[in-house]
Amino acid sequence: DRGIGLVIGDVSGHGMAAGLLMVMAKSCLVNQVRTSPGIRDVMGAINNMILESFKKKRLMTFQYAVFTPQGDRMRFASAGHQFPYLYRQATGELEEIESISYPLGVRRQLDLDPKEVELHEGDCVILFTDGLVEAVNNENEQLGYDRLREIFAQIDSCSAEEAVDLIMKRIDEFRNGAGQVDD
């Protein structure tokens, strides 16, 4: 009755410590959402957990979006993660939704910049990880933000499933058989 939340987190590094941080962040998220699901509360709780749980500095990029039950608004904040894009079907425009903050685990004081976006029928919100931007081809060339934005602009009137299929198809075409490097 309060909406639908969507979270993407990306922990720095690999291995046991990174996996442990992600599991702890997920547990913290689940517990915090039950008591106070607000963007500042959730991201603040995870930030504090990271700072208090690890002697060696660890960080994670994180984004949290909450869609109203009617689907007409999205509240959103990012902590060092790639900004989402919003494709406006009515105008064919692609907007980047900027929300700037340091990654979680960097500073005790979390200065978030939450945004609220009005959504219209046919609009498509695209949230993603750096794995798309960092996809490489056989020449070890990264896809990058410019090419990714060109792909996102092709969405037009696709359903969500068709949009994901289109994005992944275009990235696979760019990779041209090169292995996947990241998430």
C-alpha atoms as a PDB file:
ATOM      1  CA  ASP A   1       0.000   0.000   0.000  1.00  0.00           C
ATOM      2  CA  ARG A   2       3.050   2.313   0.217  1.00  0.00           C
ATOM      3  CA  GLY A   3       4.519   1.479  -3.163  1.00  0.00           C
ATOM      4  CA  ILE A   4       7.152  -0.750  -4.693  1.00  0.00           C
ATOM      5  CA  GLY A   5      10.810  -0.377  -3.842  1.00  0.00           C
ATOM      6  CA  LEU A   6      13.690  -1.265  -6.102  1.00  0.00           C
ATOM      7  CA  VAL A   7      17.295  -1.427  -4.926  1.00  0.00           C
ATOM      8  CA  ILE A   8      20.582  -1.916  -6.761  1.00  0.00           C
ATOM      9  CA  GLY A   9      23.834  -2.197  -4.867  1.00  0.00           C
ATOM     10  CA  ASP A  10      27.368  -2.840  -6.085  1.00  0.00           C
ATOM     11  CA  VAL A  11      30.096  -3.635  -3.578  1.00  0.00           C
ATOM     12  CA  SER A  12      33.679  -2.637  -4.290  1.00  0.00           C
ATOM     13  CA  GLY A  13      36.039  -5.550  -4.761  1.00  0.00           C
ATOM     14  CA  HIS A  14      35.439  -9.266  -5.048  1.00  0.00           C
ATOM     15  CA  GLY A  15      35.754 -12.303  -2.842  1.00  0.00           C
ATOM     16  CA  MET A  16      34.595 -13.147   0.657  1.00  0.00           C
ATOM     17  CA  ALA A  17      34.662  -9.612   2.120  1.00  0.00           C
ATOM     18  CA  ALA A  18      32.624  -8.200  -0.767  1.00  0.00           C
ATOM     19  CA  GLY A  19      30.126 -11.056  -0.544  1.00  0.00           C
ATOM     20  CA  LEU A  20      29.813 -10.627   3.212  1.00  0.00           C
ATOM     21  CA  LEU A  21      29.174  -6.906   2.831  1.00  0.00           C
ATOM     22  CA  MET A  22      26.424  -7.537   0.283  1.00  0.00           C
ATOM     23  CA  VAL A  23      24.722 -10.116   2.532  1.00  0.00           C
ATOM     24  CA  MET A  24      24.907  -7.735   5.490  1.00  0.00           C
ATOM     25  CA  ALA A  25      23.548  -4.859   3.387  1.00  0.00           C
ATOM     26  CA  LYS A  26      20.627  -7.003   2.243  1.00  0.00           C
ATOM     27  CA  SER A  27      19.828  -7.995   5.820  1.00  0.00           C
ATOM     28  CA  CYS A  28      20.040  -4.376   6.958  1.00  0.00           C
ATOM     29  CA  LEU A  29      17.801  -3.310   4.066  1.00  0.00           C
ATOM     30  CA  VAL A  30      15.112  -5.880   4.893  1.00  0.00           C
ATOM     31  CA  ASN A  31      15.062  -4.920   8.577  1.00  0.00           C
ATOM     32  CA  GLN A  32      15.082  -1.169   7.937  1.00  0.00           C
ATOM     33  CA  VAL A  33      12.305  -1.282   5.340  1.00  0.00           C
ATOM     34  CA  ARG A  34      10.062  -3.007   7.902  1.00  0.00           C
ATOM     35  CA  THR A  35      10.428  -0.168  10.401  1.00  0.00           C
ATOM     36  CA  SER A  36      11.011   2.907   8.235  1.00  0.00           C
ATOM     37  CA  PRO A  37      11.178   2.498   4.434  1.00  0.00           C
ATOM     38  CA  GLY A  38      12.051   6.117   3.627  1.00  0.00           C
ATOM     39  CA  ILE A  39      14.981   6.698   1.309  1.00  0.00           C
ATOM     40  CA  ARG A  40      17.077   8.601   3.835  1.00  0.00           C
ATOM     41  CA  ASP A  41      16.366   6.076   6.597  1.00  0.00           C
ATOM     42  CA  VAL A  42      17.225   3.027   4.499  1.00  0.00           C
ATOM     43  CA  MET A  43      20.378   4.432   2.951  1.00  0.00           C
ATOM     44  CA  GLY A  44      21.479   5.918   6.282  1.00  0.00           C
ATOM     45  CA  ALA A  45      21.060   2.574   8.054  1.00  0.00           C
ATOM     46  CA  ILE A  46      23.133   0.724   5.455  1.00  0.00           C
ATOM     47  CA  ASN A  47      25.785   3.452   5.483  1.00  0.00           C
ATOM     48  CA  ASN A  48      26.079   3.198   9.284  1.00  0.00           C
ATOM     49  CA  MET A  49      26.218  -0.612   9.147  1.00  0.00           C
ATOM     50  CA  ILE A  50      29.137  -0.493   6.711  1.00  0.00           C
ATOM     51  CA  LEU A  51      31.038   2.094   8.749  1.00  0.00           C
ATOM     52  CA  GLU A  52      30.505   0.221  12.024  1.00  0.00           C
ATOM     53  CA  SER A  53      31.107  -3.329  10.764  1.00  0.00           C
ATOM     54  CA  PHE A  54      34.365  -3.152   8.844  1.00  0.00           C
ATOM     55  CA  LYS A  55      37.766  -2.075  10.157  1.00  0.00           C
ATOM     56  CA  LYS A  56      39.162  -1.762   6.653  1.00  0.00           C
ATOM     57  CA  LYS A  57      37.310   0.841   4.594  1.00  0.00           C
ATOM     58  CA  ARG A  58      34.642  -0.825   2.429  1.00  0.00           C
ATOM     59  CA  LEU A  59      32.143   0.880   0.194  1.00  0.00           C
ATOM     60  CA  MET A  60      29.229   0.166  -2.057  1.00  0.00           C
ATOM     61  CA  THR A  61      27.347   2.125  -4.632  1.00  0.00           C
ATOM     62  CA  PHE A  62      23.640   1.998  -4.003  1.00  0.00           C
ATOM     63  CA  GLN A  63      20.425   3.264  -5.499  1.00  0.00           C
ATOM     64  CA  TYR A  64      16.959   3.098  -4.074  1.00  0.00           C
ATOM     65  CA  ALA A  65      13.790   3.872  -5.997  1.00  0.00           C
ATOM     66  CA  VAL A  66      10.257   3.818  -4.625  1.00  0.00           C
ATOM     67  CA  PHE A  67       7.336   3.805  -7.042  1.00  0.00           C
ATOM     68  CA  THR A  68       3.899   4.928  -5.832  1.00  0.00           C
ATOM     69  CA  PRO A  69       1.142   2.280  -5.828  1.00  0.00           C
ATOM     70  CA  GLN A  70      -0.471   4.109  -8.759  1.00  0.00           C
ATOM     71  CA  GLY A  71       2.816   4.055 -10.680  1.00  0.00           C
ATOM     72  CA  ASP A  72       2.658   7.787 -11.369  1.00  0.00           C
ATOM     73  CA  ARG A  73       5.716   8.865  -9.347  1.00  0.00           C
ATOM     74  CA  MET A  74       9.149   7.598  -8.479  1.00  0.00           C
ATOM     75  CA  ARG A  75      11.186   8.818  -5.515  1.00  0.00           C
ATOM     76  CA  PHE A  76      14.847   8.058  -5.985  1.00  0.00           C
ATOM     77  CA  ALA A  77      18.341   8.559  -4.565  1.00  0.00           C
ATOM     78  CA  SER A  78      21.761   7.334  -5.589  1.00  0.00           C
ATOM     79  CA  ALA A  79      24.912   6.927  -3.522  1.00  0.00           C
ATOM     80  CA  GLY A  80      27.700   6.803  -6.078  1.00  0.00           C
ATOM     81  CA  HIS A  81      25.785   4.536  -8.459  1.00  0.00           C
ATOM     82  CA  GLN A  82      25.049   5.112 -12.142  1.00  0.00           C
ATOM     83  CA  PHE A  83      22.124   7.473 -12.567  1.00  0.00           C
ATOM     84  CA  PRO A  84      18.975   5.914 -14.008  1.00  0.00           C
ATOM     85  CA  TYR A  85      17.493   7.054 -17.275  1.00  0.00           C
ATOM     86  CA  LEU A  86      13.889   7.906 -17.990  1.00  0.00           C
ATOM     87  CA  TYR A  87      12.566   7.392 -21.496  1.00  0.00           C
ATOM     88  CA  ARG A  88       9.536   9.604 -22.116  1.00  0.00           C
ATOM     89  CA  GLN A  89       7.391   7.842 -24.666  1.00  0.00           C
ATOM     90  CA  ALA A  90       5.247  10.913 -25.394  1.00  0.00           C
ATOM     91  CA  THR A  91       8.242  12.989 -26.523  1.00  0.00           C
ATOM     92  CA  GLY A  92      10.833  10.316 -27.356  1.00  0.00           C
ATOM     93  CA  GLU A  93      13.273  12.055 -25.001  1.00  0.00           C
ATOM     94  CA  LEU A  94      15.754  10.266 -22.780  1.00  0.00           C
ATOM     95  CA  GLU A  95      16.494  11.973 -19.458  1.00  0.00           C
ATOM     96  CA  GLU A  96      19.222  11.165 -16.969  1.00  0.00           C
ATOM     97  CA  ILE A  97      17.951  11.409 -13.384  1.00  0.00           C
ATOM     98  CA  GLU A  98      20.844  12.828 -11.397  1.00  0.00           C
ATOM     99  CA  SER A  99      21.066  12.267  -7.660  1.00  0.00           C
ATOM    100  CA  ILE A 100      24.566  12.870  -6.347  1.00  0.00           C
ATOM    101  CA  SER A 101      26.088  11.447  -3.168  1.00  0.00           C
ATOM    102  CA  TYR A 102      29.197   9.591  -2.113  1.00  0.00           C
ATOM    103  CA  PRO A 103      29.003   5.789  -2.077  1.00  0.00           C
ATOM    104  CA  LEU A 104      27.832   4.186   1.166  1.00  0.00           C
ATOM    105  CA  GLY A 105      30.633   3.534   3.651  1.00  0.00           C
ATOM    106  CA  VAL A 106      32.702   6.575   2.658  1.00  0.00           C
ATOM    107  CA  ARG A 107      31.459   9.244   5.082  1.00  0.00           C
ATOM    108  CA  ARG A 108      29.538   9.185   8.339  1.00  0.00           C
ATOM    109  CA  GLN A 109      27.385  12.119   7.187  1.00  0.00           C
ATOM    110  CA  LEU A 110      25.380  10.906   4.200  1.00  0.00           C
ATOM    111  CA  ASP A 111      24.396  13.896   2.061  1.00  0.00           C
ATOM    112  CA  LEU A 112      21.684  12.493  -0.175  1.00  0.00           C
ATOM    113  CA  ASP A 113      19.998  14.302  -3.037  1.00  0.00           C
ATOM    114  CA  PRO A 114      16.644  12.467  -3.396  1.00  0.00           C
ATOM    115  CA  LYS A 115      14.589  13.219  -6.481  1.00  0.00           C
ATOM    116  CA  GLU A 116      10.924  12.768  -7.289  1.00  0.00           C
ATOM    117  CA  VAL A 117       9.914  12.155 -10.880  1.00  0.00           C
ATOM    118  CA  GLU A 118       6.433  12.206 -12.336  1.00  0.00           C
ATOM    119  CA  LEU A 119       5.750   9.212 -14.583  1.00  0.00           C
ATOM    120  CA  HIS A 120       3.291   9.029 -17.458  1.00  0.00           C
ATOM    121  CA  GLU A 121       1.798   6.087 -19.287  1.00  0.00           C
ATOM    122  CA  GLY A 122       4.412   4.507 -21.562  1.00  0.00           C
ATOM    123  CA  ASP A 123       7.419   6.010 -19.744  1.00  0.00           C
ATOM    124  CA  CYS A 124      10.279   3.629 -19.059  1.00  0.00           C
ATOM    125  CA  VAL A 125      12.679   3.943 -16.105  1.00  0.00           C
ATOM    126  CA  ILE A 126      16.031   2.234 -16.686  1.00  0.00           C
ATOM    127  CA  LEU A 127      18.137   1.303 -13.662  1.00  0.00           C
ATOM    128  CA  PHE A 128      21.404  -0.534 -14.281  1.00  0.00           C
ATOM    129  CA  THR A 129      24.865  -1.386 -12.980  1.00  0.00           C
ATOM    130  CA  ASP A 130      28.309  -0.485 -14.274  1.00  0.00           C
ATOM    131  CA  GLY A 131      28.481  -3.924 -15.888  1.00  0.00           C
ATOM    132  CA  LEU A 132      26.614  -2.489 -18.886  1.00  0.00           C
ATOM    133  CA  VAL A 133      28.902   0.515 -19.264  1.00  0.00           C
ATOM    134  CA  GLU A 134      32.023  -1.617 -18.794  1.00  0.00           C
ATOM    135  CA  ALA A 135      31.030  -4.326 -21.296  1.00  0.00           C
ATOM    136  CA  VAL A 136      33.971  -4.864 -23.651  1.00  0.00           C
ATOM    137  CA  ASN A 137      34.265  -6.101 -27.217  1.00  0.00           C
ATOM    138  CA  ASN A 138      37.008  -8.209 -28.830  1.00  0.00           C
ATOM    139  CA  GLU A 139      39.240  -5.132 -29.152  1.00  0.00           C
ATOM    140  CA  ASN A 140      38.966  -4.593 -25.362  1.00  0.00           C
ATOM    141  CA  GLU A 141      36.992  -1.393 -26.007  1.00  0.00           C
ATOM    142  CA  GLN A 142      34.335  -0.499 -23.419  1.00  0.00           C
ATOM    143  CA  LEU A 143      30.737   0.149 -24.421  1.00  0.00           C
ATOM    144  CA  GLY A 144      30.727   3.404 -22.407  1.00  0.00           C
ATOM    145  CA  TYR A 145      27.954   5.823 -21.536  1.00  0.00           C
ATOM    146  CA  ASP A 146      27.500   7.355 -25.010  1.00  0.00           C
ATOM    147  CA  ARG A 147      26.805   4.009 -26.683  1.00  0.00           C
ATOM    148  CA  LEU A 148      24.638   2.882 -23.777  1.00  0.00           C
ATOM    149  CA  ARG A 149      22.576   6.057 -24.042  1.00  0.00           C
ATOM    150  CA  GLU A 150      22.118   5.395 -27.797  1.00  0.00           C
ATOM    151  CA  ILE A 151      20.837   1.917 -26.946  1.00  0.00           C
ATOM    152  CA  PHE A 152      18.431   3.277 -24.316  1.00  0.00           C
ATOM    153  CA  ALA A 153      17.101   5.795 -26.838  1.00  0.00           C
ATOM    154  CA  GLN A 154      15.940   2.888 -29.045  1.00  0.00           C
ATOM    155  CA  ILE A 155      13.380   1.704 -26.486  1.00  0.00           C
ATOM    156  CA  ASP A 156      10.474   3.711 -27.953  1.00  0.00           C
ATOM    157  CA  SER A 157       7.185   1.936 -27.151  1.00  0.00           C
ATOM    158  CA  CYS A 158       8.586  -1.363 -25.882  1.00  0.00           C
ATOM    159  CA  SER A 159       7.160  -3.241 -22.942  1.00  0.00           C
ATOM    160  CA  ALA A 160       9.540  -3.665 -19.992  1.00  0.00           C
ATOM    161  CA  GLU A 161      10.423  -7.184 -21.120  1.00  0.00           C
ATOM    162  CA  GLU A 162      11.025  -6.043 -24.696  1.00  0.00           C
ATOM    163  CA  ALA A 163      13.185  -3.143 -23.446  1.00  0.00           C
ATOM    164  CA  VAL A 164      15.407  -5.510 -21.437  1.00  0.00           C
ATOM    165  CA  ASP A 165      15.651  -7.877 -24.412  1.00  0.00           C
ATOM    166  CA  LEU A 166      16.576  -4.991 -26.741  1.00  0.00           C
ATOM    167  CA  ILE A 167      19.225  -3.614 -24.369  1.00  0.00           C
ATOM    168  CA  MET A 168      20.826  -7.018 -23.816  1.00  0.00           C
ATOM    169  CA  LYS A 169      20.722  -7.831 -27.547  1.00  0.00           C
ATOM    170  CA  ARG A 170      22.504  -4.564 -28.434  1.00  0.00           C
ATOM    171  CA  ILE A 171      25.130  -5.105 -25.737  1.00  0.00           C
ATOM    172  CA  ASP A 172      25.710  -8.685 -26.922  1.00  0.00           C
ATOM    173  CA  GLU A 173      26.097  -7.363 -30.485  1.00  0.00           C
ATOM    174  CA  PHE A 174      28.698  -4.869 -29.247  1.00  0.00           C
ATOM    175  CA  ARG A 175      30.561  -7.544 -27.270  1.00  0.00           C
ATOM    176  CA  ASN A 176      30.641  -9.727 -30.411  1.00  0.00           C
ATOM    177  CA  GLY A 177      31.478 -12.881 -28.476  1.00  0.00           C
ATOM    178  CA  ALA A 178      33.819 -11.287 -25.925  1.00  0.00           C
ATOM    179  CA  GLY A 179      33.370 -12.666 -22.417  1.00  0.00           C
ATOM    180  CA  GLN A 180      31.455 -10.893 -19.698  1.00  0.00           C
ATOM    181  CA  VAL A 181      33.820  -9.054 -17.343  1.00  0.00           C
ATOM    182  CA  ASP A 182      31.493  -7.762 -14.598  1.00  0.00           C
ATOM    183  CA  ASP A 183      27.886  -7.948 -13.385  1.00  0.00           C
END
